[in-house]
Amino acid sequence: MDKEQSQTTLILVFFLTLPFTILWRGYVLTILWGWFIVPLGVVALTLPMALGFSVIVSLITNDSSTNLTWEQYTSFWTFPLVMLFSGWIYTLFM
């Protein structure tokens, strides 16, 4: 597979899985928020609130100057999983 075809495939896969990726990241944010922020007296995040918060943070911190790679795409799924697992471990010490 040549580089152009690979990039086209990646973009197609990215857009087809985008709704699931957004929901996954929002779900993880609600869990982590509930574990670490709610005990401080802040209101719990609902999934729509978490999605909106995630969009705002992504908008502020996004670096759109680079081309999407397979490694970046995989990190969209794995990074929240690693953070959720790390957060769970942290809760064991609370």
PDB file of N, CA and C in Angstrom:
ATOM      1  N   MET A   1       0.864  -1.174   0.000  1.00  0.00           N
ATOM      2  CA  MET A   1       0.000   0.000   0.000  1.00  0.00           C
ATOM      3  C   MET A   1       0.904   1.229   0.000  1.00  0.00           C
ATOM      4  N   ASP A   2       0.658   2.127  -0.933  1.00  0.00           N
ATOM      5  CA  ASP A   2       1.496   3.330  -0.990  1.00  0.00           C
ATOM      6  C   ASP A   2       1.060   4.341   0.072  1.00  0.00           C
ATOM      7  N   LYS A   3       1.879   5.369   0.248  1.00  0.00           N
ATOM      8  CA  LYS A   3       1.669   6.335   1.327  1.00  0.00           C
ATOM      9  C   LYS A   3       0.352   7.093   1.175  1.00  0.00           C
ATOM     10  N   GLU A   4       0.002   7.481  -0.049  1.00  0.00           N
ATOM     11  CA  GLU A   4      -1.231   8.241  -0.274  1.00  0.00           C
ATOM     12  C   GLU A   4      -2.463   7.391   0.024  1.00  0.00           C
ATOM     13  N   GLN A   5      -2.440   6.142  -0.399  1.00  0.00           N
ATOM     14  CA  GLN A   5      -3.561   5.240  -0.147  1.00  0.00           C
ATOM     15  C   GLN A   5      -3.679   4.953   1.355  1.00  0.00           C
ATOM     16  N   SER A   6      -2.541   4.808   2.023  1.00  0.00           N
ATOM     17  CA  SER A   6      -2.548   4.573   3.460  1.00  0.00           C
ATOM     18  C   SER A   6      -3.148   5.772   4.205  1.00  0.00           C
ATOM     19  N   GLN A   7      -2.788   6.978   3.784  1.00  0.00           N
ATOM     20  CA  GLN A   7      -3.317   8.189   4.419  1.00  0.00           C
ATOM     21  C   GLN A   7      -4.820   8.297   4.180  1.00  0.00           C
ATOM     22  N   THR A   8      -5.278   7.950   2.992  1.00  0.00           N
ATOM     23  CA  THR A   8      -6.706   7.978   2.685  1.00  0.00           C
ATOM     24  C   THR A   8      -7.463   6.968   3.548  1.00  0.00           C
ATOM     25  N   THR A   9      -6.911   5.776   3.694  1.00  0.00           N
ATOM     26  CA  THR A   9      -7.525   4.753   4.539  1.00  0.00           C
ATOM     27  C   THR A   9      -7.599   5.232   5.982  1.00  0.00           C
ATOM     28  N   LEU A  10      -6.520   5.827   6.463  1.00  0.00           N
ATOM     29  CA  LEU A  10      -6.489   6.334   7.825  1.00  0.00           C
ATOM     30  C   LEU A  10      -7.549   7.404   8.044  1.00  0.00           C
ATOM     31  N   ILE A  11      -7.688   8.311   7.125  1.00  0.00           N
ATOM     32  CA  ILE A  11      -8.689   9.377   7.255  1.00  0.00           C
ATOM     33  C   ILE A  11     -10.099   8.783   7.261  1.00  0.00           C
ATOM     34  N   LEU A  12     -10.346   7.813   6.412  1.00  0.00           N
ATOM     35  CA  LEU A  12     -11.658   7.159   6.368  1.00  0.00           C
ATOM     36  C   LEU A  12     -11.954   6.437   7.689  1.00  0.00           C
ATOM     37  N   VAL A  13     -10.997   5.675   8.187  1.00  0.00           N
ATOM     38  CA  VAL A  13     -11.175   4.967   9.458  1.00  0.00           C
ATOM     39  C   VAL A  13     -11.389   5.970  10.586  1.00  0.00           C
ATOM     40  N   PHE A  14     -10.617   7.053  10.577  1.00  0.00           N
ATOM     41  CA  PHE A  14     -10.734   8.078  11.608  1.00  0.00           C
ATOM     42  C   PHE A  14     -12.152   8.645  11.654  1.00  0.00           C
ATOM     43  N   PHE A  15     -12.698   9.025  10.509  1.00  0.00           N
ATOM     44  CA  PHE A  15     -14.033   9.630  10.493  1.00  0.00           C
ATOM     45  C   PHE A  15     -15.145   8.620  10.786  1.00  0.00           C
ATOM     46  N   LEU A  16     -14.945   7.366  10.414  1.00  0.00           N
ATOM     47  CA  LEU A  16     -15.952   6.352  10.719  1.00  0.00           C
ATOM     48  C   LEU A  16     -16.002   6.026  12.208  1.00  0.00           C
ATOM     49  N   THR A  17     -14.859   6.099  12.876  1.00  0.00           N
ATOM     50  CA  THR A  17     -14.815   5.764  14.301  1.00  0.00           C
ATOM     51  C   THR A  17     -14.861   7.006  15.192  1.00  0.00           C
ATOM     52  N   LEU A  18     -14.923   8.178  14.617  1.00  0.00           N
ATOM     53  CA  LEU A  18     -14.910   9.415  15.393  1.00  0.00           C
ATOM     54  C   LEU A  18     -16.015   9.485  16.447  1.00  0.00           C
ATOM     55  N   PRO A  19     -17.265   9.146  16.139  1.00  0.00           N
ATOM     56  CA  PRO A  19     -18.301   9.207  17.184  1.00  0.00           C
ATOM     57  C   PRO A  19     -17.998   8.308  18.380  1.00  0.00           C
ATOM     58  N   PHE A  20     -17.470   7.118  18.104  1.00  0.00           N
ATOM     59  CA  PHE A  20     -17.138   6.195  19.194  1.00  0.00           C
ATOM     60  C   PHE A  20     -15.953   6.715  20.001  1.00  0.00           C
ATOM     61  N   THR A  21     -14.988   7.305  19.321  1.00  0.00           N
ATOM     62  CA  THR A  21     -13.822   7.869  19.999  1.00  0.00           C
ATOM     63  C   THR A  21     -14.242   9.010  20.915  1.00  0.00           C
ATOM     64  N   ILE A  22     -15.111   9.870  20.442  1.00  0.00           N
ATOM     65  CA  ILE A  22     -15.584  11.003  21.237  1.00  0.00           C
ATOM     66  C   ILE A  22     -16.335  10.499  22.472  1.00  0.00           C
ATOM     67  N   LEU A  23     -17.221   9.528  22.282  1.00  0.00           N
ATOM     68  CA  LEU A  23     -17.970   8.971  23.418  1.00  0.00           C
ATOM     69  C   LEU A  23     -17.044   8.280  24.418  1.00  0.00           C
ATOM     70  N   TRP A  24     -16.059   7.547  23.925  1.00  0.00           N
ATOM     71  CA  TRP A  24     -15.105   6.855  24.786  1.00  0.00           C
ATOM     72  C   TRP A  24     -14.345   7.857  25.652  1.00  0.00           C
ATOM     73  N   ARG A  25     -13.827   8.917  25.037  1.00  0.00           N
ATOM     74  CA  ARG A  25     -13.070   9.913  25.784  1.00  0.00           C
ATOM     75  C   ARG A  25     -13.967  10.645  26.783  1.00  0.00           C
ATOM     76  N   GLY A  26     -15.202  10.933  26.410  1.00  0.00           N
ATOM     77  CA  GLY A  26     -16.136  11.575  27.332  1.00  0.00           C
ATOM     78  C   GLY A  26     -16.480  10.678  28.506  1.00  0.00           C
ATOM     79  N   TYR A  27     -16.669   9.399  28.238  1.00  0.00           N
ATOM     80  CA  TYR A  27     -16.962   8.441  29.301  1.00  0.00           C
ATOM     81  C   TYR A  27     -15.804   8.360  30.295  1.00  0.00           C
ATOM     82  N   VAL A  28     -14.596   8.249  29.780  1.00  0.00           N
ATOM     83  CA  VAL A  28     -13.419   8.182  30.653  1.00  0.00           C
ATOM     84  C   VAL A  28     -13.308   9.457  31.484  1.00  0.00           C
ATOM     85  N   LEU A  29     -13.586  10.605  30.879  1.00  0.00           N
ATOM     86  CA  LEU A  29     -13.525  11.869  31.619  1.00  0.00           C
ATOM     87  C   LEU A  29     -14.547  11.893  32.757  1.00  0.00           C
ATOM     88  N   THR A  30     -15.762  11.388  32.515  1.00  0.00           N
ATOM     89  CA  THR A  30     -16.766  11.376  33.593  1.00  0.00           C
ATOM     90  C   THR A  30     -16.334  10.475  34.750  1.00  0.00           C
ATOM     91  N   ILE A  31     -15.714   9.349  34.441  1.00  0.00           N
ATOM     92  CA  ILE A  31     -15.248   8.436  35.480  1.00  0.00           C
ATOM     93  C   ILE A  31     -14.137   9.089  36.301  1.00  0.00           C
ATOM     94  N   LEU A  32     -13.117   9.628  35.617  1.00  0.00           N
ATOM     95  CA  LEU A  32     -12.003  10.257  36.322  1.00  0.00           C
ATOM     96  C   LEU A  32     -12.464  11.478  37.120  1.00  0.00           C
ATOM     97  N   TRP A  33     -13.376  12.237  36.551  1.00  0.00           N
ATOM     98  CA  TRP A  33     -13.931  13.409  37.251  1.00  0.00           C
ATOM     99  C   TRP A  33     -14.632  12.971  38.537  1.00  0.00           C
ATOM    100  N   GLY A  34     -15.410  11.907  38.422  1.00  0.00           N
ATOM    101  CA  GLY A  34     -16.110  11.386  39.595  1.00  0.00           C
ATOM    102  C   GLY A  34     -15.170  10.884  40.676  1.00  0.00           C
ATOM    103  N   TRP A  35     -14.054  10.305  40.273  1.00  0.00           N
ATOM    104  CA  TRP A  35     -13.094   9.790  41.246  1.00  0.00           C
ATOM    105  C   TRP A  35     -12.316  10.892  41.956  1.00  0.00           C
ATOM    106  N   PHE A  36     -11.930  11.927  41.220  1.00  0.00           N
ATOM    107  CA  PHE A  36     -10.964  12.885  41.765  1.00  0.00           C
ATOM    108  C   PHE A  36     -11.490  14.297  41.986  1.00  0.00           C
ATOM    109  N   ILE A  37     -12.496  14.724  41.251  1.00  0.00           N
ATOM    110  CA  ILE A  37     -12.968  16.103  41.368  1.00  0.00           C
ATOM    111  C   ILE A  37     -14.224  16.199  42.234  1.00  0.00           C
ATOM    112  N   VAL A  38     -15.148  15.270  42.075  1.00  0.00           N
ATOM    113  CA  VAL A  38     -16.395  15.301  42.853  1.00  0.00           C
ATOM    114  C   VAL A  38     -16.129  15.263  44.363  1.00  0.00           C
ATOM    115  N   PRO A  39     -15.161  14.476  44.852  1.00  0.00           N
ATOM    116  CA  PRO A  39     -14.895  14.503  46.294  1.00  0.00           C
ATOM    117  C   PRO A  39     -14.467  15.879  46.824  1.00  0.00           C
ATOM    118  N   LEU A  40     -14.036  16.761  45.943  1.00  0.00           N
ATOM    119  CA  LEU A  40     -13.663  18.115  46.357  1.00  0.00           C
ATOM    120  C   LEU A  40     -14.867  19.041  46.462  1.00  0.00           C
ATOM    121  N   GLY A  41     -16.056  18.523  46.141  1.00  0.00           N
ATOM    122  CA  GLY A  41     -17.269  19.306  46.258  1.00  0.00           C
ATOM    123  C   GLY A  41     -17.768  19.891  44.944  1.00  0.00           C
ATOM    124  N   VAL A  42     -17.124  19.551  43.843  1.00  0.00           N
ATOM    125  CA  VAL A  42     -17.548  20.039  42.527  1.00  0.00           C
ATOM    126  C   VAL A  42     -18.623  19.099  41.985  1.00  0.00           C
ATOM    127  N   VAL A  43     -19.532  19.654  41.233  1.00  0.00           N
ATOM    128  CA  VAL A  43     -20.642  18.873  40.676  1.00  0.00           C
ATOM    129  C   VAL A  43     -20.120  17.778  39.726  1.00  0.00           C
ATOM    130  N   ALA A  44     -20.802  16.641  39.693  1.00  0.00           N
ATOM    131  CA  ALA A  44     -20.421  15.542  38.805  1.00  0.00           C
ATOM    132  C   ALA A  44     -20.701  15.923  37.352  1.00  0.00           C
ATOM    133  N   LEU A  45     -19.865  15.419  36.461  1.00  0.00           N
ATOM    134  CA  LEU A  45     -20.056  15.667  35.032  1.00  0.00           C
ATOM    135  C   LEU A  45     -20.983  14.613  34.440  1.00  0.00           C
ATOM    136  N   THR A  46     -21.921  15.067  33.642  1.00  0.00           N
ATOM    137  CA  THR A  46     -22.707  14.138  32.839  1.00  0.00           C
ATOM    138  C   THR A  46     -21.922  13.896  31.553  1.00  0.00           C
ATOM    139  N   LEU A  47     -22.326  12.903  30.785  1.00  0.00           N
ATOM    140  CA  LEU A  47     -21.620  12.628  29.533  1.00  0.00           C
ATOM    141  C   LEU A  47     -21.668  13.819  28.579  1.00  0.00           C
ATOM    142  N   PRO A  48     -22.827  14.474  28.375  1.00  0.00           N
ATOM    143  CA  PRO A  48     -22.824  15.648  27.494  1.00  0.00           C
ATOM    144  C   PRO A  48     -21.916  16.774  28.007  1.00  0.00           C
ATOM    145  N   MET A  49     -21.876  16.979  29.324  1.00  0.00           N
ATOM    146  CA  MET A  49     -20.990  18.005  29.870  1.00  0.00           C
ATOM    147  C   MET A  49     -19.524  17.633  29.623  1.00  0.00           C
ATOM    148  N   ALA A  50     -19.197  16.361  29.800  1.00  0.00           N
ATOM    149  CA  ALA A  50     -17.832  15.898  29.584  1.00  0.00           C
ATOM    150  C   ALA A  50     -17.429  16.037  28.125  1.00  0.00           C
ATOM    151  N   LEU A  51     -18.364  15.746  27.225  1.00  0.00           N
ATOM    152  CA  LEU A  51     -18.070  15.889  25.797  1.00  0.00           C
ATOM    153  C   LEU A  51     -17.811  17.349  25.447  1.00  0.00           C
ATOM    154  N   GLY A  52     -18.619  18.248  25.979  1.00  0.00           N
ATOM    155  CA  GLY A  52     -18.416  19.666  25.734  1.00  0.00           C
ATOM    156  C   GLY A  52     -17.106  20.164  26.310  1.00  0.00           C
ATOM    157  N   PHE A  53     -16.795  19.733  27.525  1.00  0.00           N
ATOM    158  CA  PHE A  53     -15.541  20.111  28.159  1.00  0.00           C
ATOM    159  C   PHE A  53     -14.357  19.600  27.343  1.00  0.00           C
ATOM    160  N   SER A  54     -14.448  18.367  26.863  1.00  0.00           N
ATOM    161  CA  SER A  54     -13.392  17.771  26.052  1.00  0.00           C
ATOM    162  C   SER A  54     -13.193  18.531  24.740  1.00  0.00           C
ATOM    163  N   VAL A  55     -14.291  18.941  24.126  1.00  0.00           N
ATOM    164  CA  VAL A  55     -14.202  19.706  22.878  1.00  0.00           C
ATOM    165  C   VAL A  55     -13.497  21.042  23.112  1.00  0.00           C
ATOM    166  N   ILE A  56     -13.839  21.704  24.209  1.00  0.00           N
ATOM    167  CA  ILE A  56     -13.215  22.994  24.515  1.00  0.00           C
ATOM    168  C   ILE A  56     -11.713  22.823  24.741  1.00  0.00           C
ATOM    169  N   VAL A  57     -11.336  21.830  25.527  1.00  0.00           N
ATOM    170  CA  VAL A  57      -9.909  21.603  25.791  1.00  0.00           C
ATOM    171  C   VAL A  57      -9.183  21.223  24.503  1.00  0.00           C
ATOM    172  N   SER A  58      -9.787  20.378  23.685  1.00  0.00           N
ATOM    173  CA  SER A  58      -9.174  19.992  22.412  1.00  0.00           C
ATOM    174  C   SER A  58      -9.015  21.188  21.490  1.00  0.00           C
ATOM    175  N   LEU A  59      -9.996  22.048  21.484  1.00  0.00           N
ATOM    176  CA  LEU A  59      -9.936  23.241  20.642  1.00  0.00           C
ATOM    177  C   LEU A  59      -8.774  24.138  21.057  1.00  0.00           C
ATOM    178  N   ILE A  60      -8.574  24.278  22.352  1.00  0.00           N
ATOM    179  CA  ILE A  60      -7.510  25.136  22.856  1.00  0.00           C
ATOM    180  C   ILE A  60      -6.128  24.515  22.648  1.00  0.00           C
ATOM    181  N   THR A  61      -6.021  23.205  22.834  1.00  0.00           N
ATOM    182  CA  THR A  61      -4.710  22.552  22.818  1.00  0.00           C
ATOM    183  C   THR A  61      -4.369  21.850  21.513  1.00  0.00           C
ATOM    184  N   ASN A  62      -5.225  21.865  20.527  1.00  0.00           N
ATOM    185  CA  ASN A  62      -5.020  21.118  19.292  1.00  0.00           C
ATOM    186  C   ASN A  62      -3.892  21.709  18.458  1.00  0.00           C
ATOM    187  N   ASP A  63      -3.052  20.813  17.936  1.00  0.00           N
ATOM    188  CA  ASP A  63      -2.023  21.200  16.979  1.00  0.00           C
ATOM    189  C   ASP A  63      -2.379  20.563  15.647  1.00  0.00           C
ATOM    190  N   SER A  64      -3.079  21.296  14.821  1.00  0.00           N
ATOM    191  CA  SER A  64      -3.560  20.747  13.548  1.00  0.00           C
ATOM    192  C   SER A  64      -2.554  20.909  12.424  1.00  0.00           C
ATOM    193  N   SER A  65      -1.326  21.282  12.754  1.00  0.00           N
ATOM    194  CA  SER A  65      -0.327  21.500  11.708  1.00  0.00           C
ATOM    195  C   SER A  65       0.312  20.205  11.237  1.00  0.00           C
ATOM    196  N   THR A  66       0.085  19.102  11.952  1.00  0.00           N
ATOM    197  CA  THR A  66       0.690  17.831  11.570  1.00  0.00           C
ATOM    198  C   THR A  66      -0.337  16.947  10.872  1.00  0.00           C
ATOM    199  N   ASN A  67       0.157  16.057  10.032  1.00  0.00           N
ATOM    200  CA  ASN A  67      -0.711  15.075   9.385  1.00  0.00           C
ATOM    201  C   ASN A  67      -1.006  13.948  10.358  1.00  0.00           C
ATOM    202  N   LEU A  68      -2.193  13.400  10.259  1.00  0.00           N
ATOM    203  CA  LEU A  68      -2.605  12.298  11.117  1.00  0.00           C
ATOM    204  C   LEU A  68      -1.832  11.042  10.742  1.00  0.00           C
ATOM    205  N   THR A  69      -1.289  10.348  11.742  1.00  0.00           N
ATOM    206  CA  THR A  69      -0.588   9.089  11.513  1.00  0.00           C
ATOM    207  C   THR A  69      -1.336   7.973  12.234  1.00  0.00           C
ATOM    208  N   TRP A  70      -0.995   6.733  11.911  1.00  0.00           N
ATOM    209  CA  TRP A  70      -1.624   5.597  12.570  1.00  0.00           C
ATOM    210  C   TRP A  70      -1.314   5.598  14.061  1.00  0.00           C
ATOM    211  N   GLU A  71      -0.117   6.034  14.434  1.00  0.00           N
ATOM    212  CA  GLU A  71       0.253   6.093  15.844  1.00  0.00           C
ATOM    213  C   GLU A  71      -0.621   7.098  16.592  1.00  0.00           C
ATOM    214  N   GLN A  72      -0.866   8.248  15.980  1.00  0.00           N
ATOM    215  CA  GLN A  72      -1.737   9.246  16.602  1.00  0.00           C
ATOM    216  C   GLN A  72      -3.162   8.717  16.713  1.00  0.00           C
ATOM    217  N   TYR A  73      -3.630   8.055  15.679  1.00  0.00           N
ATOM    218  CA  TYR A  73      -4.981   7.502  15.713  1.00  0.00           C
ATOM    219  C   TYR A  73      -5.109   6.483  16.837  1.00  0.00           C
ATOM    220  N   THR A  74      -4.120   5.603  16.979  1.00  0.00           N
ATOM    221  CA  THR A  74      -4.172   4.593  18.035  1.00  0.00           C
ATOM    222  C   THR A  74      -4.163   5.247  19.406  1.00  0.00           C
ATOM    223  N   SER A  75      -3.443   6.352  19.543  1.00  0.00           N
ATOM    224  CA  SER A  75      -3.385   7.017  20.849  1.00  0.00           C
ATOM    225  C   SER A  75      -4.733   7.631  21.225  1.00  0.00           C
ATOM    226  N   PHE A  76      -5.580   7.940  20.251  1.00  0.00           N
ATOM    227  CA  PHE A  76      -6.918   8.450  20.561  1.00  0.00           C
ATOM    228  C   PHE A  76      -7.699   7.438  21.389  1.00  0.00           C
ATOM    229  N   TRP A  77      -7.439   6.150  21.181  1.00  0.00           N
ATOM    230  CA  TRP A  77      -8.126   5.087  21.914  1.00  0.00           C
ATOM    231  C   TRP A  77      -7.341   4.631  23.132  1.00  0.00           C
ATOM    232  N   THR A  78      -6.021   4.498  22.999  1.00  0.00           N
ATOM    233  CA  THR A  78      -5.236   3.917  24.082  1.00  0.00           C
ATOM    234  C   THR A  78      -4.942   4.905  25.204  1.00  0.00           C
ATOM    235  N   PHE A  79      -4.731   6.173  24.890  1.00  0.00           N
ATOM    236  CA  PHE A  79      -4.410   7.146  25.930  1.00  0.00           C
ATOM    237  C   PHE A  79      -5.501   7.231  26.994  1.00  0.00           C
ATOM    238  N   PRO A  80      -6.789   7.350  26.636  1.00  0.00           N
ATOM    239  CA  PRO A  80      -7.828   7.353  27.677  1.00  0.00           C
ATOM    240  C   PRO A  80      -7.843   6.053  28.495  1.00  0.00           C
ATOM    241  N   LEU A  81      -7.566   4.927  27.853  1.00  0.00           N
ATOM    242  CA  LEU A  81      -7.539   3.658  28.568  1.00  0.00           C
ATOM    243  C   LEU A  81      -6.406   3.642  29.600  1.00  0.00           C
ATOM    244  N   VAL A  82      -5.241   4.124  29.214  1.00  0.00           N
ATOM    245  CA  VAL A  82      -4.105   4.185  30.139  1.00  0.00           C
ATOM    246  C   VAL A  82      -4.419   5.143  31.285  1.00  0.00           C
ATOM    247  N   MET A  83      -5.045   6.283  30.990  1.00  0.00           N
ATOM    248  CA  MET A  83      -5.388   7.247  32.038  1.00  0.00           C
ATOM    249  C   MET A  83      -6.442   6.675  32.992  1.00  0.00           C
ATOM    250  N   LEU A  84      -7.410   5.936  32.447  1.00  0.00           N
ATOM    251  CA  LEU A  84      -8.431   5.312  33.285  1.00  0.00           C
ATOM    252  C   LEU A  84      -7.804   4.273  34.214  1.00  0.00           C
ATOM    253  N   PHE A  85      -6.917   3.463  33.679  1.00  0.00           N
ATOM    254  CA  PHE A  85      -6.240   2.455  34.489  1.00  0.00           C
ATOM    255  C   PHE A  85      -5.363   3.117  35.555  1.00  0.00           C
ATOM    256  N   SER A  86      -4.631   4.154  35.175  1.00  0.00           N
ATOM    257  CA  SER A  86      -3.799   4.879  36.140  1.00  0.00           C
ATOM    258  C   SER A  86      -4.658   5.507  37.225  1.00  0.00           C
ATOM    259  N   GLY A  87      -5.773   6.094  36.841  1.00  0.00           N
ATOM    260  CA  GLY A  87      -6.681   6.697  37.807  1.00  0.00           C
ATOM    261  C   GLY A  87      -7.239   5.675  38.772  1.00  0.00           C
ATOM    262  N   TRP A  88      -7.561   4.497  38.265  1.00  0.00           N
ATOM    263  CA  TRP A  88      -8.074   3.431  39.125  1.00  0.00           C
ATOM    264  C   TRP A  88      -7.025   3.039  40.154  1.00  0.00           C
ATOM    265  N   ILE A  89      -5.779   2.937  39.728  1.00  0.00           N
ATOM    266  CA  ILE A  89      -4.704   2.610  40.662  1.00  0.00           C
ATOM    267  C   ILE A  89      -4.587   3.709  41.720  1.00  0.00           C
ATOM    268  N   TYR A  90      -4.682   4.972  41.310  1.00  0.00           N
ATOM    269  CA  TYR A  90      -4.589   6.086  42.266  1.00  0.00           C
ATOM    270  C   TYR A  90      -5.711   6.027  43.296  1.00  0.00           C
ATOM    271  N   THR A  91      -6.896   5.590  42.864  1.00  0.00           N
ATOM    272  CA  THR A  91      -8.017   5.524  43.812  1.00  0.00           C
ATOM    273  C   THR A  91      -7.775   4.491  44.902  1.00  0.00           C
ATOM    274  N   LEU A  92      -6.932   3.537  44.654  1.00  0.00           N
ATOM    275  CA  LEU A  92      -6.630   2.521  45.662  1.00  0.00           C
ATOM    276  C   LEU A  92      -5.865   3.128  46.846  1.00  0.00           C
ATOM    277  N   PHE A  93      -5.247   4.276  46.636  1.00  0.00           N
ATOM    278  CA  PHE A  93      -4.484   4.943  47.692  1.00  0.00           C
ATOM    279  C   PHE A  93      -5.244   6.096  48.331  1.00  0.00           C
ATOM    280  N   MET A  94      -6.489   6.284  47.978  1.00  0.00           N
ATOM    281  CA  MET A  94      -7.268   7.384  48.521  1.00  0.00           C
ATOM    282  C   MET A  94      -7.938   6.975  49.824  1.00  0.00           C
TER     283      MET A  94
END
